[in-house]
Each structure stands twice: as structure tokens, then as C-alpha cells.
Amino acid sequence: MKNFTSVYDIDNLQEIIAKTLKIKENPLENPTKGNGKTIGLVFLNSSLRTRLSSQIAAQNLGLNVLTLNAAQEAWNLEFADGTVMNGDTVEHIKDAIEVLNQYCDIIAVRCFAGMKSKEDDVNESILSQFLKHAKVPVISLESATRHPLQSLADCITITENWKENRKPKVVLTWAPHIKPIAQAVGNSFTEWMQQMDVDFVIANPEGYDLDKNFTKDTKVLHNQDEALKDADFIYVKNWSSFEEYAVMPKVDENWMLTNEKLELTNNAKVMHCLPVRRNLELSDEVMDGENSIIYQQAKNRIFSAQAVFSEILDEINSKN
């Protein structure tokens, strides 16, 4: 694995899920694998689970960890090529990345969608700069269009909780929010579910369809009750409109998941990537109920990161 930005960087999904579950059994099995190597965790946006899980995963492998909160602690960055930097930007991203090349053996970056320019976000205007200028492996800690480490943790969580001899029905359902949220988690989860042996359905109101480049042939329903029928897993997540980019079309129906709606399912397990706005996206009764596996998801973020870091280290060490 040279870089990790999507499911398409993985040769065999089932193999890496199995590897991750083995790591979870004994996270300290290879505590010196990263000795002498440094990973730079670059955060252009806020983080709790991604930051802490990545630090733990790296430490479990013996990696030296540098964490940069670039939006607060670094110079104001310029991202456009050819710009005369006579404004409030002090350092060009290509120069910052070249310095990271000198300090780090792996660069991991978190860069949300700007939610202003559809073209910039779809084309990954920030992550693409890291991929272009980095001379070391690049790992996405969430980008404008995807959140791959979260999605790997989601696959692990579903695998752990499914023991029946049939395909589980997995539903990704939209939830309400107070502000426009990017499509990254929904896009990413969709791509990964398309690689899993599941019956996958997306439920969202009219006007909130995800980018068809991600959904492809996945069934999309605009009736939540219909989608939830006989579901085994429900993934709750908000996103804003893709067609009317970053807009929030009015929704009259109540899309918050409740215990009453869970009665339509096959006693479905409930998932959410966190953070969650309680009693807006998800009711307290669901969040704190026996069907919730949300905190298990959060813990699995450690092991998804550790599996990816381990694969990247294998690639680095094979060249030495």
C-alpha cells in the first residue's frame, strides 16, 4: 500500500478486515515495527476520534508521532498555484509539504470540504496537493469527499456483529442537522459497502441524493420507513445537498431515528461516526439503547488506523 485515501487503495478488503481483527486481539504484537520512523499527523480541521485513535495506533507500532494543528499552529497557508502572496497567506502548501517530507516518513492529513466551491471539493483541492508534492506515503484522515479510516472501522464493526449465514441488510440513512455538512462520510461508507457482501440501501429525502459517482447502482429510497424495513444495521449520518451544493432543502418529514422506527427493522444495530447532535440526528433512547454499537465503532478506529499504518510500514520497509 503506497498511499491510503479510499477503498481502492486496498488490494483485498476481506484480508485487511481479518488483519485488523487480529490486531485488535493483540494491539502490541508488533511494538517495534515503526521504530526509527516518524508519522506526521496534519490537522487542518477539528478532530477527536481521528486524532486520538491515530496517535494510539502509531504508538502501538513504535512510530514517533508529530501532531500539527495546522489551522491554529502553523502559518496561514496558500493553496493556489501562481498566486502573488501579498495578502494574509504566509506559506505556500507546496513548501509546507516539502518540509514535512524532510521530517516525516509518513504524512497523514485531515482536510474537510470547504463547502464553498463544488469543483474544488469534488477535485480534492487540498488532498491532491499532498499527493502531488509528498515524497512519502500519504494517508487521508478525512478529505473533502471521503473518510476511509472511518469506513474501514465501520466494516470491522459490521463484521464483528454479524454471525448469521446470510447477507445483512445495511441502511445508510440521512438525519437532520442545523448546518450544511459535507458528504464525505456518506460517500465513503457507500463505496466500502459496495465492496462488502451486504444488501445495501441509502435513504435520504428528495434533494439530498449523494454524488452518483459514489452511489453508482446502489438503491436510493426517499421513504425512510420503506428503507428501514428488515434492516440489520442502520448507519445514521447527515449531509447537505450535492446537486444544490452545500444547500439544505426543506424536509417536512421527521428523519430522526427513534425506537419507534427501530420497530420496523430486524432489531437493527445502530451506527454513527460521531460527533452526533443528540435528539436531532439521533434520539437519546437510541444512542443509549441496547441497539447502539456506536462506541464500538469509535474504539475500532484505533485498529483500522493501526492496520493501515502497518501496511504502509510494510511498503516502506520493503524498499530498505
Protein backbone atom coordinates (compact mmCIF):
# COMPACT_ATOMS: atom_id res chain seq x y z
CA MET A 1 0.00 0.00 0.00
CA LYS A 2 1.68 3.21 -1.21
CA ASN A 3 -1.00 5.70 -0.11
CA PHE A 4 -4.36 5.36 1.63
CA THR A 5 -7.14 7.68 0.52
CA SER A 6 -10.00 5.31 -0.38
CA VAL A 7 -11.12 1.69 -0.53
CA TYR A 8 -9.44 1.47 -3.94
CA ASP A 9 -6.02 1.59 -2.26
CA ILE A 10 -6.73 -1.82 -0.71
CA ASP A 11 -5.99 -4.98 -2.68
CA ASN A 12 -8.36 -7.22 -0.70
CA LEU A 13 -10.91 -5.79 1.72
CA GLN A 14 -11.66 -9.07 3.49
CA GLU A 15 -7.96 -9.64 4.09
CA ILE A 16 -7.44 -6.26 5.72
CA ILE A 17 -10.59 -6.73 7.83
CA ALA A 18 -9.17 -10.06 9.04
CA LYS A 19 -5.81 -8.43 9.70
CA THR A 20 -7.46 -5.62 11.65
CA LEU A 21 -9.44 -8.03 13.82
CA LYS A 22 -6.18 -9.88 14.57
CA ILE A 23 -4.55 -6.59 15.55
CA LYS A 24 -7.49 -5.90 17.85
CA GLU A 25 -6.82 -9.16 19.70
CA ASN A 26 -3.27 -8.04 20.48
CA PRO A 27 -2.54 -4.39 19.53
CA LEU A 28 1.00 -4.60 20.93
CA GLU A 29 2.09 -7.65 18.95
CA ASN A 30 4.49 -5.57 16.79
CA PRO A 31 5.59 -2.72 19.09
CA THR A 32 8.86 -2.06 17.22
CA LYS A 33 7.60 -2.20 13.63
CA GLY A 34 7.76 1.58 13.31
CA ASN A 35 10.95 2.14 15.26
CA GLY A 36 13.06 4.88 13.71
CA LYS A 37 10.13 6.13 11.61
CA THR A 38 8.04 9.28 12.08
CA ILE A 39 4.42 9.90 11.14
CA GLY A 40 3.21 13.48 10.81
CA LEU A 41 -0.47 13.95 11.66
CA VAL A 42 -1.56 17.20 10.00
CA PHE A 43 -4.96 18.57 11.04
CA LEU A 44 -6.48 21.38 9.02
CA ASN A 45 -9.77 20.73 10.84
CA SER A 46 -11.05 19.73 14.27
CA SER A 47 -10.72 16.15 15.46
CA LEU A 48 -11.28 13.94 18.50
CA ARG A 49 -11.53 10.27 17.47
CA THR A 50 -9.28 10.57 14.42
CA ARG A 51 -6.57 12.39 16.35
CA LEU A 52 -6.53 10.12 19.40
CA SER A 53 -7.01 6.83 17.57
CA SER A 54 -4.23 7.68 15.11
CA GLN A 55 -1.85 8.59 17.92
CA ILE A 56 -2.60 5.37 19.80
CA ALA A 57 -2.29 3.26 16.65
CA ALA A 58 1.05 4.83 15.76
CA GLN A 59 2.40 4.41 19.29
CA ASN A 60 1.32 0.75 19.30
CA LEU A 61 3.66 0.25 16.32
CA GLY A 62 6.56 2.20 17.82
CA LEU A 63 6.22 5.16 15.45
CA ASN A 64 7.34 8.61 16.51
CA VAL A 65 4.28 10.88 16.28
CA LEU A 66 4.31 14.56 15.29
CA THR A 67 0.93 16.28 15.50
CA LEU A 68 0.38 19.62 13.78
CA ASN A 69 -2.85 21.56 14.24
CA ALA A 70 -2.16 23.45 11.05
CA ALA A 71 -5.21 25.70 11.17
CA GLN A 72 -4.22 27.05 14.61
CA GLU A 73 -0.47 26.50 14.99
CA ALA A 74 1.04 26.96 11.51
CA TRP A 75 1.38 29.93 9.19
CA ASN A 76 -1.64 30.82 7.06
CA LEU A 77 -1.37 28.52 4.06
CA GLU A 78 -1.76 29.40 0.41
CA PHE A 79 -3.14 26.60 -1.80
CA ALA A 80 -3.41 28.21 -5.25
CA ASP A 81 -0.53 27.88 -7.71
CA GLY A 82 0.91 31.04 -9.25
CA THR A 83 -0.56 33.33 -6.60
CA VAL A 84 1.20 36.55 -5.70
CA MET A 85 1.27 36.11 -1.93
CA ASN A 86 0.77 39.72 -0.93
CA GLY A 87 -2.25 39.02 1.29
CA ASP A 88 -2.73 37.18 4.59
CA THR A 89 -1.24 33.85 3.47
CA VAL A 90 2.36 33.40 4.59
CA GLU A 91 3.44 29.91 3.43
CA HIS A 92 2.56 28.01 0.29
CA ILE A 93 1.27 24.48 0.77
CA LYS A 94 3.95 23.05 -1.55
CA ASP A 95 6.67 24.49 0.70
CA ALA A 96 4.97 23.18 3.84
CA ILE A 97 4.69 19.70 2.32
CA GLU A 98 8.32 19.75 1.23
CA VAL A 99 9.33 20.49 4.83
CA LEU A 100 7.13 17.62 6.03
CA ASN A 101 8.95 15.41 3.52
CA GLN A 102 12.18 16.22 5.37
CA TYR A 103 10.75 15.45 8.80
CA CYS A 104 8.34 12.54 8.23
CA ASP A 105 8.32 9.03 6.78
CA ILE A 106 4.51 9.11 6.53
CA ILE A 107 2.19 12.12 6.20
CA ALA A 108 -1.42 11.79 7.37
CA VAL A 109 -3.72 14.74 6.68
CA ARG A 110 -7.25 15.77 7.64
CA CYS A 111 -8.77 18.36 5.29
CA PHE A 112 -12.54 18.84 5.18
CA ALA A 113 -14.57 20.10 2.26
CA GLY A 114 -14.59 23.89 2.08
CA MET A 115 -18.32 23.76 1.21
CA LYS A 116 -17.95 26.86 -0.98
CA SER A 117 -16.76 25.55 -4.34
CA LYS A 118 -18.24 22.27 -5.54
CA GLU A 119 -15.45 21.95 -8.10
CA ASP A 120 -12.70 22.42 -5.52
CA ASP A 121 -14.23 19.86 -3.16
CA VAL A 122 -15.01 17.24 -5.80
CA ASN A 123 -11.46 17.57 -7.10
CA GLU A 124 -9.96 17.33 -3.60
CA SER A 125 -8.14 20.66 -3.92
CA ILE A 126 -6.18 20.16 -0.68
CA LEU A 127 -5.58 16.40 -0.54
CA SER A 128 -4.48 16.46 -4.18
CA GLN A 129 -1.71 18.92 -3.23
CA PHE A 130 -0.38 16.47 -0.65
CA LEU A 131 -0.49 13.61 -3.15
CA LYS A 132 1.26 15.78 -5.75
CA HIS A 133 4.06 17.16 -3.59
CA ALA A 134 4.66 14.48 -0.94
CA LYS A 135 7.65 12.22 -1.44
CA VAL A 136 6.47 9.87 1.33
CA PRO A 137 3.23 7.87 1.70
CA VAL A 138 0.08 9.93 2.29
CA ILE A 139 -2.84 8.79 4.44
CA SER A 140 -6.22 10.52 4.42
CA LEU A 141 -7.59 11.22 7.89
CA GLU A 142 -10.72 12.53 6.10
CA SER A 143 -10.86 14.61 2.97
CA ALA A 144 -13.44 16.64 1.08
CA THR A 145 -15.12 13.55 -0.38
CA ARG A 146 -14.11 10.53 1.74
CA HIS A 147 -13.33 9.29 5.26
CA PRO A 148 -11.59 5.94 4.62
CA LEU A 149 -10.26 5.13 8.10
CA GLN A 150 -13.76 5.60 9.47
CA SER A 151 -15.19 3.36 6.75
CA LEU A 152 -12.69 0.59 7.47
CA ALA A 153 -13.67 0.76 11.15
CA ASP A 154 -17.32 0.56 10.08
CA CYS A 155 -16.64 -2.59 8.04
CA ILE A 156 -14.86 -4.14 11.03
CA THR A 157 -17.78 -3.27 13.32
CA ILE A 158 -20.35 -4.82 10.99
CA THR A 159 -18.21 -7.95 10.61
CA GLU A 160 -17.91 -8.33 14.39
CA ASN A 161 -21.66 -8.02 14.88
CA TRP A 162 -22.88 -10.30 12.10
CA LYS A 163 -22.91 -14.05 12.70
CA GLU A 164 -25.86 -15.24 10.60
CA ASN A 165 -25.44 -17.21 7.39
CA ARG A 166 -26.98 -14.62 5.07
CA LYS A 167 -26.26 -11.18 3.77
CA PRO A 168 -27.10 -8.46 6.31
CA LYS A 169 -29.24 -5.55 5.19
CA VAL A 170 -27.35 -2.30 5.80
CA VAL A 171 -29.11 1.05 5.54
CA LEU A 172 -27.36 4.41 5.36
CA THR A 173 -29.96 6.94 6.43
CA TRP A 174 -29.82 10.71 6.29
CA ALA A 175 -30.51 12.61 9.51
CA PRO A 176 -31.36 16.25 10.27
CA HIS A 177 -28.76 18.89 11.15
CA ILE A 178 -28.60 22.62 11.82
CA LYS A 179 -25.95 23.46 9.21
CA PRO A 180 -24.63 22.14 5.88
CA ILE A 181 -22.40 19.09 6.37
CA ALA A 182 -20.15 17.54 3.72
CA GLN A 183 -20.92 14.23 2.03
CA ALA A 184 -17.55 12.62 2.87
CA VAL A 185 -18.75 10.02 5.39
CA GLY A 186 -21.79 9.06 3.32
CA ASN A 187 -19.73 8.81 0.11
CA SER A 188 -17.03 6.76 1.77
CA PHE A 189 -19.37 4.37 3.60
CA THR A 190 -21.20 3.80 0.33
CA GLU A 191 -18.02 2.87 -1.53
CA TRP A 192 -16.94 0.45 1.17
CA MET A 193 -20.37 -1.20 1.44
CA GLN A 194 -20.28 -1.76 -2.32
CA GLN A 195 -17.20 -3.91 -1.67
CA MET A 196 -18.83 -5.82 1.21
CA ASP A 197 -21.15 -8.82 0.91
CA VAL A 198 -24.22 -6.93 2.11
CA ASP A 199 -27.63 -5.81 0.90
CA PHE A 200 -27.05 -2.05 0.92
CA VAL A 201 -29.67 0.71 0.70
CA ILE A 202 -29.43 4.51 1.06
CA ALA A 203 -32.34 6.51 2.48
CA ASN A 204 -32.50 10.27 2.13
CA PRO A 205 -35.08 12.97 1.45
CA GLU A 206 -35.66 14.40 -2.01
CA GLY A 207 -32.92 16.85 -2.85
CA TYR A 208 -30.28 15.07 -0.76
CA ASP A 209 -29.06 12.39 -3.16
CA LEU A 210 -25.32 11.79 -2.93
CA ASP A 211 -22.99 12.14 -5.90
CA LYS A 212 -23.81 9.38 -8.41
CA ASN A 213 -20.07 8.83 -8.89
CA PHE A 214 -20.20 7.29 -5.41
CA THR A 215 -23.67 5.75 -5.27
CA LYS A 216 -23.48 4.18 -8.76
CA ASP A 217 -26.11 1.41 -8.85
CA THR A 218 -26.89 1.46 -5.13
CA LYS A 219 -30.62 1.58 -4.36
CA VAL A 220 -31.66 5.02 -3.08
CA LEU A 221 -35.04 5.42 -1.39
CA HIS A 222 -36.72 8.67 -0.36
CA ASN A 223 -39.03 6.91 2.09
CA GLN A 224 -37.16 6.20 5.33
CA ASP A 225 -39.72 3.73 6.69
CA GLU A 226 -39.52 1.68 3.49
CA ALA A 227 -35.74 1.63 3.64
CA LEU A 228 -35.61 0.63 7.32
CA LYS A 229 -37.87 -2.40 6.87
CA ASP A 230 -35.99 -5.57 7.95
CA ALA A 231 -32.69 -3.70 8.30
CA ASP A 232 -29.92 -5.41 10.29
CA PHE A 233 -27.66 -2.35 10.53
CA ILE A 234 -28.55 1.34 10.34
CA TYR A 235 -25.85 3.93 9.75
CA VAL A 236 -27.12 7.41 10.66
CA LYS A 237 -25.43 10.46 9.11
CA ASN A 238 -26.32 13.93 7.93
CA TRP A 239 -25.16 15.53 4.69
CA SER A 240 -26.20 18.59 2.71
CA SER A 241 -27.35 18.63 -0.89
CA PHE A 242 -24.86 17.66 -3.55
CA GLU A 243 -26.92 18.84 -6.52
CA GLU A 244 -27.57 22.26 -4.94
CA TYR A 245 -24.16 22.19 -3.39
CA ALA A 246 -23.98 22.89 0.37
CA VAL A 247 -27.67 23.85 0.42
CA MET A 248 -30.19 22.37 2.88
CA PRO A 249 -33.52 21.86 1.07
CA LYS A 250 -36.53 21.90 3.38
CA VAL A 251 -37.58 18.48 4.74
CA ASP A 252 -41.09 18.14 6.17
CA GLU A 253 -40.85 14.54 7.41
CA ASN A 254 -39.21 13.57 10.71
CA TRP A 255 -35.99 11.73 9.79
CA MET A 256 -34.53 11.43 13.31
CA LEU A 257 -34.08 7.77 14.24
CA THR A 258 -36.19 6.69 17.22
CA ASN A 259 -37.09 3.43 18.96
CA GLU A 260 -40.44 3.53 17.19
CA LYS A 261 -38.67 3.48 13.84
CA LEU A 262 -36.41 0.65 15.03
CA GLU A 263 -39.52 -1.50 15.32
CA LEU A 264 -39.59 -1.60 11.51
CA THR A 265 -36.18 -3.29 11.45
CA ASN A 266 -34.77 -6.69 12.25
CA ASN A 267 -33.71 -5.40 15.69
CA ALA A 268 -31.06 -3.43 13.81
CA LYS A 269 -27.76 -2.35 15.28
CA VAL A 270 -27.32 1.43 15.08
CA MET A 271 -24.12 3.14 13.93
CA HIS A 272 -22.87 6.72 13.75
CA CYS A 273 -19.36 8.05 13.15
CA LEU A 274 -19.64 10.76 15.89
CA PRO A 275 -19.82 13.53 16.87
CA VAL A 276 -23.61 13.40 16.99
CA ARG A 277 -26.17 16.06 17.82
CA ARG A 278 -28.39 14.22 20.27
CA ASN A 279 -32.13 14.47 19.84
CA LEU A 280 -31.63 16.00 16.41
CA GLU A 281 -29.80 13.31 14.41
CA LEU A 282 -30.39 10.53 16.92
CA SER A 283 -32.69 10.32 19.95
CA ASP A 284 -31.21 9.67 23.40
CA GLU A 285 -33.21 6.46 23.58
CA VAL A 286 -31.41 5.07 20.53
CA MET A 287 -27.96 6.48 21.36
CA ASP A 288 -28.03 4.99 24.85
CA GLY A 289 -30.06 1.89 23.99
CA GLU A 290 -29.01 -1.72 23.59
CA ASN A 291 -29.07 -1.50 19.78
CA SER A 292 -26.32 1.12 19.69
CA ILE A 293 -22.83 -0.04 18.67
CA ILE A 294 -21.56 3.50 18.18
CA TYR A 295 -18.84 3.36 20.84
CA GLN A 296 -17.63 0.02 19.50
CA GLN A 297 -17.24 1.81 16.16
CA ALA A 298 -15.24 4.54 17.85
CA LYS A 299 -12.89 2.04 19.50
CA ASN A 300 -12.37 0.27 16.19
CA ARG A 301 -10.93 3.50 14.80
CA ILE A 302 -7.70 2.58 16.64
CA PHE A 303 -7.41 -0.75 14.89
CA SER A 304 -8.37 0.46 11.42
CA ALA A 305 -5.64 3.10 11.68
CA GLN A 306 -3.14 0.58 13.03
CA ALA A 307 -3.84 -1.84 10.18
CA VAL A 308 -3.30 0.88 7.57
CA PHE A 309 -0.17 2.22 9.26
CA SER A 310 1.17 -1.33 9.40
CA GLU A 311 0.53 -1.85 5.67
CA ILE A 312 2.27 1.42 4.85
CA LEU A 313 5.26 0.47 7.02
CA ASP A 314 5.49 -2.87 5.21
CA GLU A 315 5.76 -0.94 1.93
CA ILE A 316 8.41 1.40 3.34
CA ASN A 317 10.45 -1.41 4.90
CA SER A 318 10.36 -3.45 1.69
CA LYS A 319 12.30 -0.66 -0.03
CA ASN A 320 15.00 -0.50 2.65
